[in-house]
PDB file of all heavy atoms in Angstrom:
ATOM      1  N   VAL A   1     166.229 220.653 172.350  1.00  0.00           N
ATOM      2  CA  VAL A   1     166.337 221.104 173.721  1.00  0.00           C
ATOM      3  C   VAL A   1     166.964 222.490 173.814  1.00  0.00           C
ATOM      4  O   VAL A   1     166.580 223.285 174.699  1.00  0.00           O
ATOM      5  CB  VAL A   1     167.141 220.086 174.545  1.00  0.00           C
ATOM      6  CG1 VAL A   1     167.369 220.592 175.970  1.00  0.00           C
ATOM      7  CG2 VAL A   1     166.411 218.753 174.586  1.00  0.00           C
ATOM      8  N   SER A   2     167.878 222.800 172.933  1.00  0.00           N
ATOM      9  CA  SER A   2     168.517 224.121 173.009  1.00  0.00           C
ATOM     10  C   SER A   2     167.491 225.234 172.870  1.00  0.00           C
ATOM     11  O   SER A   2     167.561 226.252 173.553  1.00  0.00           O
ATOM     12  CB  SER A   2     169.623 224.243 171.950  1.00  0.00           C
ATOM     13  OG  SER A   2     169.081 224.036 170.651  1.00  0.00           O
ATOM     14  N   ARG A   3     166.513 225.031 172.008  1.00  0.00           N
ATOM     15  CA  ARG A   3     165.496 226.092 171.814  1.00  0.00           C
ATOM     16  C   ARG A   3     164.443 226.098 172.914  1.00  0.00           C
ATOM     17  O   ARG A   3     163.758 227.099 173.098  1.00  0.00           O
ATOM     18  CB  ARG A   3     164.835 225.933 170.440  1.00  0.00           C
ATOM     19  CG  ARG A   3     165.845 226.112 169.295  1.00  0.00           C
ATOM     20  CD  ARG A   3     165.181 226.096 167.946  1.00  0.00           C
ATOM     21  NE  ARG A   3     166.190 226.228 166.891  1.00  0.00           N
ATOM     22  CZ  ARG A   3     165.894 226.403 165.626  1.00  0.00           C
ATOM     23  NH1 ARG A   3     164.639 226.471 165.217  1.00  0.00           N
ATOM     24  NH2 ARG A   3     166.863 226.525 164.728  1.00  0.00           N
ATOM     25  N   LEU A   4     164.333 225.017 173.658  1.00  0.00           N
ATOM     26  CA  LEU A   4     163.436 225.012 174.812  1.00  0.00           C
ATOM     27  C   LEU A   4     163.892 226.026 175.867  1.00  0.00           C
ATOM     28  O   LEU A   4     163.091 226.527 176.687  1.00  0.00           O
ATOM     29  CB  LEU A   4     163.381 223.643 175.452  1.00  0.00           C
ATOM     30  CG  LEU A   4     162.523 222.566 174.788  1.00  0.00           C
ATOM     31  CD1 LEU A   4     162.678 221.253 175.544  1.00  0.00           C
ATOM     32  CD2 LEU A   4     161.065 222.982 174.724  1.00  0.00           C
ATOM     33  N   GLN A   5     165.191 226.357 175.835  1.00  0.00           N
ATOM     34  CA  GLN A   5     165.705 227.294 176.861  1.00  0.00           C
ATOM     35  C   GLN A   5     165.269 228.725 176.554  1.00  0.00           C
ATOM     36  O   GLN A   5     165.299 229.582 177.441  1.00  0.00           O
ATOM     37  CB  GLN A   5     167.239 227.223 176.867  1.00  0.00           C
ATOM     38  CG  GLN A   5     167.803 225.838 177.115  1.00  0.00           C
ATOM     39  CD  GLN A   5     167.349 225.228 178.424  1.00  0.00           C
ATOM     40  OE1 GLN A   5     167.270 225.932 179.442  1.00  0.00           O
ATOM     41  NE2 GLN A   5     167.023 223.969 178.427  1.00  0.00           N
ATOM     42  N   VAL A   6     164.873 228.998 175.327  1.00  0.00           N
ATOM     43  CA  VAL A   6     164.473 230.356 174.946  1.00  0.00           C
ATOM     44  C   VAL A   6     163.153 230.690 175.624  1.00  0.00           C
ATOM     45  O   VAL A   6     162.142 230.028 175.431  1.00  0.00           O
ATOM     46  CB  VAL A   6     164.352 230.486 173.415  1.00  0.00           C
ATOM     47  CG1 VAL A   6     163.879 231.887 173.034  1.00  0.00           C
ATOM     48  CG2 VAL A   6     165.683 230.174 172.747  1.00  0.00           C
ATOM     49  N   GLY A   7     163.171 231.733 176.427  1.00  0.00           N
ATOM     50  CA  GLY A   7     161.951 232.158 177.123  1.00  0.00           C
ATOM     51  C   GLY A   7     161.644 231.356 178.385  1.00  0.00           C
ATOM     52  O   GLY A   7     160.626 231.599 179.018  1.00  0.00           O
ATOM     53  N   ALA A   8     162.527 230.436 178.767  1.00  0.00           N
ATOM     54  CA  ALA A   8     162.276 229.628 179.972  1.00  0.00           C
ATOM     55  C   ALA A   8     162.697 230.340 181.240  1.00  0.00           C
ATOM     56  O   ALA A   8     162.458 229.866 182.340  1.00  0.00           O
ATOM     57  CB  ALA A   8     163.024 228.288 179.884  1.00  0.00           C
ATOM     58  N   PHE A   9     163.326 231.509 181.140  1.00  0.00           N
ATOM     59  CA  PHE A   9     163.766 232.298 182.279  1.00  0.00           C
ATOM     60  C   PHE A   9     164.561 231.462 183.297  1.00  0.00           C
ATOM     61  O   PHE A   9     164.410 231.612 184.505  1.00  0.00           O
ATOM     62  CB  PHE A   9     162.567 232.958 182.986  1.00  0.00           C
ATOM     63  CG  PHE A   9     162.187 234.275 182.363  1.00  0.00           C
ATOM     64  CD1 PHE A   9     161.303 234.331 181.271  1.00  0.00           C
ATOM     65  CD2 PHE A   9     162.698 235.466 182.833  1.00  0.00           C
ATOM     66  CE1 PHE A   9     160.963 235.539 180.685  1.00  0.00           C
ATOM     67  CE2 PHE A   9     162.358 236.690 182.267  1.00  0.00           C
ATOM     68  CZ  PHE A   9     161.482 236.739 181.179  1.00  0.00           C
ATOM     69  N   GLY A  10     165.389 230.556 182.769  1.00  0.00           N
ATOM     70  CA  GLY A  10     166.279 229.810 183.632  1.00  0.00           C
ATOM     71  C   GLY A  10     165.675 228.669 184.394  1.00  0.00           C
ATOM     72  O   GLY A  10     166.345 228.019 185.215  1.00  0.00           O
ATOM     73  N   THR A  11     164.413 228.355 184.164  1.00  0.00           N
ATOM     74  CA  THR A  11     163.759 227.278 184.915  1.00  0.00           C
ATOM     75  C   THR A  11     164.072 225.897 184.396  1.00  0.00           C
ATOM     76  O   THR A  11     163.773 224.897 185.040  1.00  0.00           O
ATOM     77  CB  THR A  11     162.220 227.466 184.916  1.00  0.00           C
ATOM     78  OG1 THR A  11     161.750 227.486 183.565  1.00  0.00           O
ATOM     79  CG2 THR A  11     161.827 228.771 185.601  1.00  0.00           C
ATOM     80  N   LEU A  12     164.689 225.826 183.206  1.00  0.00           N
ATOM     81  CA  LEU A  12     165.036 224.525 182.630  1.00  0.00           C
ATOM     82  C   LEU A  12     166.549 224.297 182.600  1.00  0.00           C
ATOM     83  O   LEU A  12     167.029 223.362 181.988  1.00  0.00           O
ATOM     84  CB  LEU A  12     164.480 224.372 181.215  1.00  0.00           C
ATOM     85  CG  LEU A  12     162.974 224.416 181.079  1.00  0.00           C
ATOM     86  CD1 LEU A  12     162.538 224.246 179.638  1.00  0.00           C
ATOM     87  CD2 LEU A  12     162.308 223.338 181.964  1.00  0.00           C
ATOM     88  N   GLY A  13     167.300 225.164 183.243  1.00  0.00           N
ATOM     89  CA  GLY A  13     168.747 224.992 183.260  1.00  0.00           C
ATOM     90  C   GLY A  13     169.461 226.316 183.409  1.00  0.00           C
ATOM     91  O   GLY A  13     168.949 227.373 182.996  1.00  0.00           O
ATOM     92  N   LEU A  14     170.644 226.257 183.995  1.00  0.00           N
ATOM     93  CA  LEU A  14     171.499 227.431 184.091  1.00  0.00           C
ATOM     94  C   LEU A  14     172.342 227.482 182.827  1.00  0.00           C
ATOM     95  O   LEU A  14     173.236 226.631 182.610  1.00  0.00           O
ATOM     96  CB  LEU A  14     172.415 227.317 185.323  1.00  0.00           C
ATOM     97  CG  LEU A  14     173.538 228.320 185.437  1.00  0.00           C
ATOM     98  CD1 LEU A  14     172.998 229.743 185.568  1.00  0.00           C
ATOM     99  CD2 LEU A  14     174.451 227.993 186.606  1.00  0.00           C
ATOM    100  N   LEU A  15     172.080 228.421 181.959  1.00  0.00           N
ATOM    101  CA  LEU A  15     172.810 228.526 180.704  1.00  0.00           C
ATOM    102  C   LEU A  15     174.255 228.878 180.959  1.00  0.00           C
ATOM    103  O   LEU A  15     174.578 229.798 181.727  1.00  0.00           O
ATOM    104  CB  LEU A  15     172.166 229.585 179.821  1.00  0.00           C
ATOM    105  CG  LEU A  15     170.802 229.242 179.203  1.00  0.00           C
ATOM    106  CD1 LEU A  15     170.180 230.448 178.534  1.00  0.00           C
ATOM    107  CD2 LEU A  15     170.944 228.090 178.211  1.00  0.00           C
ATOM    108  N   LEU A  16     175.143 228.121 180.323  1.00  0.00           N
ATOM    109  CA  LEU A  16     176.596 228.355 180.448  1.00  0.00           C
ATOM    110  C   LEU A  16     177.176 228.952 179.176  1.00  0.00           C
ATOM    111  O   LEU A  16     178.002 229.872 179.239  1.00  0.00           O
ATOM    112  CB  LEU A  16     177.316 227.046 180.784  1.00  0.00           C
ATOM    113  CG  LEU A  16     176.886 226.396 182.086  1.00  0.00           C
ATOM    114  CD1 LEU A  16     177.544 225.015 182.242  1.00  0.00           C
ATOM    115  CD2 LEU A  16     177.248 227.290 183.281  1.00  0.00           C
ATOM    116  N   SER A  17     176.757 228.471 178.028  1.00  0.00           N
ATOM    117  CA  SER A  17     177.200 229.051 176.765  1.00  0.00           C
ATOM    118  C   SER A  17     176.135 228.813 175.713  1.00  0.00           C
ATOM    119  O   SER A  17     175.332 227.879 175.830  1.00  0.00           O
ATOM    120  CB  SER A  17     178.531 228.448 176.311  1.00  0.00           C
ATOM    121  OG  SER A  17     178.397 227.090 175.999  1.00  0.00           O
ATOM    122  N   ILE A  18     176.151 229.679 174.697  1.00  0.00           N
ATOM    123  CA  ILE A  18     175.137 229.595 173.642  1.00  0.00           C
ATOM    124  C   ILE A  18     175.807 229.804 172.295  1.00  0.00           C
ATOM    125  O   ILE A  18     176.688 230.696 172.176  1.00  0.00           O
ATOM    126  CB  ILE A  18     174.050 230.669 173.830  1.00  0.00           C
ATOM    127  CG1 ILE A  18     173.384 230.567 175.214  1.00  0.00           C
ATOM    128  CG2 ILE A  18     172.989 230.546 172.753  1.00  0.00           C
ATOM    129  CD1 ILE A  18     173.884 231.598 176.188  1.00  0.00           C
ATOM    130  N   SER A  19     175.428 229.018 171.326  1.00  0.00           N
ATOM    131  CA  SER A  19     175.849 229.230 169.949  1.00  0.00           C
ATOM    132  C   SER A  19     174.684 229.821 169.162  1.00  0.00           C
ATOM    133  O   SER A  19     173.579 229.271 169.223  1.00  0.00           O
ATOM    134  CB  SER A  19     176.292 227.904 169.276  1.00  0.00           C
ATOM    135  OG  SER A  19     177.450 227.372 169.903  1.00  0.00           O
ATOM    136  N   VAL A  20     174.931 230.890 168.451  1.00  0.00           N
ATOM    137  CA  VAL A  20     173.854 231.546 167.700  1.00  0.00           C
ATOM    138  C   VAL A  20     174.316 231.812 166.268  1.00  0.00           C
ATOM    139  O   VAL A  20     175.501 232.054 166.023  1.00  0.00           O
ATOM    140  CB  VAL A  20     173.385 232.860 168.356  1.00  0.00           C
ATOM    141  CG1 VAL A  20     172.770 232.618 169.705  1.00  0.00           C
ATOM    142  CG2 VAL A  20     174.538 233.844 168.476  1.00  0.00           C
ATOM    143  N   ARG A  21     173.356 231.770 165.376  1.00  0.00           N
ATOM    144  CA  ARG A  21     173.653 232.147 163.988  1.00  0.00           C
ATOM    145  C   ARG A  21     173.571 233.656 163.864  1.00  0.00           C
ATOM    146  O   ARG A  21     172.864 234.341 164.613  1.00  0.00           O
ATOM    147  CB  ARG A  21     172.698 231.459 163.013  1.00  0.00           C
ATOM    148  CG  ARG A  21     171.283 231.998 163.038  1.00  0.00           C
ATOM    149  CD  ARG A  21     170.441 231.385 161.951  1.00  0.00           C
ATOM    150  NE  ARG A  21     169.083 231.919 161.970  1.00  0.00           N
ATOM    151  CZ  ARG A  21     168.690 232.990 161.289  1.00  0.00           C
ATOM    152  NH1 ARG A  21     169.571 233.669 160.550  1.00  0.00           N
ATOM    153  NH2 ARG A  21     167.443 233.414 161.357  1.00  0.00           N
ATOM    154  N   LEU A  22     174.288 234.194 162.897  1.00  0.00           N
ATOM    155  CA  LEU A  22     174.359 235.640 162.698  1.00  0.00           C
ATOM    156  C   LEU A  22     173.864 236.004 161.298  1.00  0.00           C
ATOM    157  O   LEU A  22     173.600 235.135 160.476  1.00  0.00           O
ATOM    158  CB  LEU A  22     175.813 236.080 162.845  1.00  0.00           C
ATOM    159  CG  LEU A  22     176.524 235.624 164.120  1.00  0.00           C
ATOM    160  CD1 LEU A  22     178.001 235.960 164.052  1.00  0.00           C
ATOM    161  CD2 LEU A  22     175.905 236.254 165.366  1.00  0.00           C
ATOM    162  N   LEU A  23     173.749 237.298 161.053  1.00  0.00           N
ATOM    163  CA  LEU A  23     173.425 237.814 159.733  1.00  0.00           C
ATOM    164  C   LEU A  23     174.413 238.893 159.356  1.00  0.00           C
ATOM    165  O   LEU A  23     174.931 239.607 160.236  1.00  0.00           O
ATOM    166  CB  LEU A  23     172.019 238.397 159.706  1.00  0.00           C
ATOM    167  CG  LEU A  23     170.830 237.401 159.702  1.00  0.00           C
ATOM    168  CD1 LEU A  23     169.526 238.180 159.719  1.00  0.00           C
ATOM    169  CD2 LEU A  23     170.884 236.464 158.514  1.00  0.00           C
ATOM    170  N   PRO A  24     174.669 239.067 158.063  1.00  0.00           N
ATOM    171  CA  PRO A  24     175.493 240.203 157.635  1.00  0.00           C
ATOM    172  C   PRO A  24     174.788 241.525 157.948  1.00  0.00           C
ATOM    173  O   PRO A  24     173.560 241.614 157.827  1.00  0.00           O
ATOM    174  CB  PRO A  24     175.637 240.005 156.125  1.00  0.00           C
ATOM    175  CG  PRO A  24     175.282 238.573 155.896  1.00  0.00           C
ATOM    176  CD  PRO A  24     174.271 238.214 156.935  1.00  0.00           C
ATOM    177  N   ARG A  25     175.556 242.514 158.358  1.00  0.00           N
ATOM    178  CA  ARG A  25     174.974 243.824 158.558  1.00  0.00           C
ATOM    179  C   ARG A  25     174.569 244.401 157.228  1.00  0.00           C
ATOM    180  O   ARG A  25     175.321 244.314 156.247  1.00  0.00           O
ATOM    181  CB  ARG A  25     176.009 244.739 159.248  1.00  0.00           C
ATOM    182  CG  ARG A  25     175.445 246.104 159.653  1.00  0.00           C
ATOM    183  CD  ARG A  25     176.474 246.812 160.528  1.00  0.00           C
ATOM    184  NE  ARG A  25     176.570 246.148 161.827  1.00  0.00           N
ATOM    185  CZ  ARG A  25     175.804 246.390 162.873  1.00  0.00           C
ATOM    186  NH1 ARG A  25     174.809 247.299 162.745  1.00  0.00           N
ATOM    187  NH2 ARG A  25     175.973 245.764 163.995  1.00  0.00           N
ATOM    188  N   PRO A  26     173.361 244.946 157.102  1.00  0.00           N
ATOM    189  CA  PRO A  26     172.904 245.462 155.809  1.00  0.00           C
ATOM    190  C   PRO A  26     173.795 246.573 155.287  1.00  0.00           C
ATOM    191  O   PRO A  26     174.303 247.398 156.059  1.00  0.00           O
ATOM    192  CB  PRO A  26     171.477 245.957 156.084  1.00  0.00           C
ATOM    193  CG  PRO A  26     171.396 246.100 157.556  1.00  0.00           C
ATOM    194  CD  PRO A  26     172.337 245.133 158.169  1.00  0.00           C
ATOM    195  N   GLU A  27     173.926 246.612 153.973  1.00  0.00           N
ATOM    196  CA  GLU A  27     174.761 247.606 153.326  1.00  0.00           C
ATOM    197  C   GLU A  27     174.177 249.002 153.503  1.00  0.00           C
ATOM    198  O   GLU A  27     174.906 249.996 153.656  1.00  0.00           O
ATOM    199  CB  GLU A  27     174.861 247.265 151.832  1.00  0.00           C
ATOM    200  CG  GLU A  27     175.639 248.241 150.998  1.00  0.00           C
ATOM    201  CD  GLU A  27     175.603 247.884 149.517  1.00  0.00           C
ATOM    202  OE1 GLU A  27     175.457 246.674 149.214  1.00  0.00           O
ATOM    203  OE2 GLU A  27     175.719 248.798 148.686  1.00  0.00           O
ATOM    204  N   ALA A  28     172.858 249.094 153.500  1.00  0.00           N
ATOM    205  CA  ALA A  28     172.190 250.395 153.593  1.00  0.00           C
ATOM    206  C   ALA A  28     170.938 250.257 154.451  1.00  0.00           C
ATOM    207  O   ALA A  28     170.356 249.166 154.573  1.00  0.00           O
ATOM    208  CB  ALA A  28     171.816 250.923 152.214  1.00  0.00           C
ATOM    209  N   GLU A  29     170.540 251.380 155.043  1.00  0.00           N
ATOM    210  CA  GLU A  29     169.324 251.367 155.876  1.00  0.00           C
ATOM    211  C   GLU A  29     168.682 252.747 155.757  1.00  0.00           C
ATOM    212  O   GLU A  29     169.361 253.772 155.725  1.00  0.00           O
ATOM    213  CB  GLU A  29     169.677 251.046 157.330  1.00  0.00           C
ATOM    214  CG  GLU A  29     168.500 250.625 158.148  1.00  0.00           C
ATOM    215  CD  GLU A  29     168.950 249.884 159.430  1.00  0.00           C
ATOM    216  OE1 GLU A  29     169.194 250.576 160.426  1.00  0.00           O
ATOM    217  OE2 GLU A  29     169.106 248.646 159.395  1.00  0.00           O
ATOM    218  N   GLN A  30     167.355 252.740 155.708  1.00  0.00           N
ATOM    219  CA  GLN A  30     166.614 253.999 155.558  1.00  0.00           C
ATOM    220  C   GLN A  30     165.266 253.843 156.248  1.00  0.00           C
ATOM    221  O   GLN A  30     164.656 252.776 156.242  1.00  0.00           O
ATOM    222  CB  GLN A  30     166.418 254.318 154.063  1.00  0.00           C
ATOM    223  CG  GLN A  30     165.903 255.713 153.803  1.00  0.00           C
ATOM    224  CD  GLN A  30     165.826 256.031 152.319  1.00  0.00           C
ATOM    225  OE1 GLN A  30     164.938 256.761 151.883  1.00  0.00           O
ATOM    226  NE2 GLN A  30     166.748 255.484 151.510  1.00  0.00           N
ATOM    227  N   THR A  31     164.792 254.932 156.852  1.00  0.00           N
ATOM    228  CA  THR A  31     163.486 254.930 157.503  1.00  0.00           C
ATOM    229  C   THR A  31     162.563 255.942 156.820  1.00  0.00           C
ATOM    230  O   THR A  31     162.951 257.072 156.541  1.00  0.00           O
ATOM    231  CB  THR A  31     163.613 255.306 159.002  1.00  0.00           C
ATOM    232  OG1 THR A  31     164.455 254.357 159.654  1.00  0.00           O
ATOM    233  CG2 THR A  31     162.251 255.330 159.684  1.00  0.00           C
ATOM    234  N   ARG A  32     161.363 255.472 156.554  1.00  0.00           N
ATOM    235  CA  ARG A  32     160.327 256.314 155.961  1.00  0.00           C
ATOM    236  C   ARG A  32     159.202 256.513 156.986  1.00  0.00           C
ATOM    237  O   ARG A  32     158.894 255.608 157.749  1.00  0.00           O
ATOM    238  CB  ARG A  32     159.737 255.691 154.681  1.00  0.00           C
ATOM    239  CG  ARG A  32     160.771 255.222 153.690  1.00  0.00           C
ATOM    240  CD  ARG A  32     161.658 256.334 153.192  1.00  0.00           C
ATOM    241  NE  ARG A  32     160.930 257.331 152.415  1.00  0.00           N
ATOM    242  CZ  ARG A  32     161.498 258.393 151.835  1.00  0.00           C
ATOM    243  NH1 ARG A  32     162.806 258.602 151.987  1.00  0.00           N
ATOM    244  NH2 ARG A  32     160.771 259.241 151.139  1.00  0.00           N
ATOM    245  N   VAL A  33     158.570 257.677 156.948  1.00  0.00           N
ATOM    246  CA  VAL A  33     157.531 258.014 157.922  1.00  0.00           C
ATOM    247  C   VAL A  33     156.261 258.414 157.179  1.00  0.00           C
ATOM    248  O   VAL A  33     156.309 259.158 156.176  1.00  0.00           O
ATOM    249  CB  VAL A  33     157.961 259.170 158.826  1.00  0.00           C
ATOM    250  CG1 VAL A  33     156.900 259.377 159.934  1.00  0.00           C
ATOM    251  CG2 VAL A  33     159.310 258.891 159.471  1.00  0.00           C
ATOM    252  N   PHE A  34     155.117 257.945 157.692  1.00  0.00           N
ATOM    253  CA  PHE A  34     153.823 258.203 157.081  1.00  0.00           C
ATOM    254  C   PHE A  34     152.827 258.680 158.152  1.00  0.00           C
ATOM    255  O   PHE A  34     152.820 258.163 159.258  1.00  0.00           O
ATOM    256  CB  PHE A  34     153.257 256.915 156.435  1.00  0.00           C
ATOM    257  CG  PHE A  34     154.185 256.285 155.448  1.00  0.00           C
ATOM    258  CD1 PHE A  34     155.212 255.459 155.876  1.00  0.00           C
ATOM    259  CD2 PHE A  34     154.040 256.511 154.089  1.00  0.00           C
ATOM    260  CE1 PHE A  34     156.063 254.853 154.968  1.00  0.00           C
ATOM    261  CE2 PHE A  34     154.893 255.916 153.169  1.00  0.00           C
ATOM    262  CZ  PHE A  34     155.926 255.089 153.617  1.00  0.00           C
ATOM    263  N   GLU A  35     151.999 259.651 157.809  1.00  0.00           N
ATOM    264  CA  GLU A  35     150.947 260.117 158.698  1.00  0.00           C
ATOM    265  C   GLU A  35     149.714 259.268 158.448  1.00  0.00           C
ATOM    266  O   GLU A  35     149.019 259.418 157.443  1.00  0.00           O
ATOM    267  CB  GLU A  35     150.643 261.598 158.441  1.00  0.00           C
ATOM    268  CG  GLU A  35     151.818 262.537 158.623  1.00  0.00           C
ATOM    269  CD  GLU A  35     152.171 262.712 160.077  1.00  0.00           C
ATOM    270  OE1 GLU A  35     151.297 262.484 160.947  1.00  0.00           O
ATOM    271  OE2 GLU A  35     153.332 263.087 160.358  1.00  0.00           O
ATOM    272  N   LEU A  36     149.437 258.319 159.371  1.00  0.00           N
ATOM    273  CA  LEU A  36     148.329 257.360 159.163  1.00  0.00           C
ATOM    274  C   LEU A  36     147.703 257.007 160.520  1.00  0.00           C
ATOM    275  O   LEU A  36     148.356 257.047 161.543  1.00  0.00           O
ATOM    276  CB  LEU A  36     148.852 256.058 158.532  1.00  0.00           C
ATOM    277  CG  LEU A  36     149.491 256.144 157.124  1.00  0.00           C
ATOM    278  CD1 LEU A  36     150.203 254.826 156.825  1.00  0.00           C
ATOM    279  CD2 LEU A  36     148.426 256.441 156.094  1.00  0.00           C
ATOM    280  N   THR A  37     146.418 256.669 160.483  1.00  0.00           N
ATOM    281  CA  THR A  37     145.808 256.102 161.661  1.00  0.00           C
ATOM    282  C   THR A  37     146.343 254.679 161.870  1.00  0.00           C
ATOM    283  O   THR A  37     146.959 254.097 160.955  1.00  0.00           O
ATOM    284  CB  THR A  37     144.278 256.026 161.530  1.00  0.00           C
ATOM    285  OG1 THR A  37     143.941 255.091 160.496  1.00  0.00           O
ATOM    286  CG2 THR A  37     143.689 257.388 161.185  1.00  0.00           C
ATOM    287  N   ALA A  38     146.088 254.100 163.024  1.00  0.00           N
ATOM    288  CA  ALA A  38     146.585 252.752 163.295  1.00  0.00           C
ATOM    289  C   ALA A  38     145.991 251.745 162.303  1.00  0.00           C
ATOM    290  O   ALA A  38     146.699 250.891 161.779  1.00  0.00           O
ATOM    291  CB  ALA A  38     146.232 252.359 164.732  1.00  0.00           C
ATOM    292  N   SER A  39     144.706 251.842 162.037  1.00  0.00           N
ATOM    293  CA  SER A  39     144.075 250.895 161.111  1.00  0.00           C
ATOM    294  C   SER A  39     144.635 251.051 159.709  1.00  0.00           C
ATOM    295  O   SER A  39     144.887 250.074 159.003  1.00  0.00           O
ATOM    296  CB  SER A  39     142.548 251.116 161.093  1.00  0.00           C
ATOM    297  OG  SER A  39     141.991 250.795 162.347  1.00  0.00           O
TER     298      SER A  39
END
């Protein structure tokens, strides 16, 4: 039932509190760019 609330826009209940799992922040991050068509 807790996951039924996701995307329900409040139609299945007024959310009061939520417990969520977390992830460690990555040690490093980098972005690469390529010149390509969409396909």
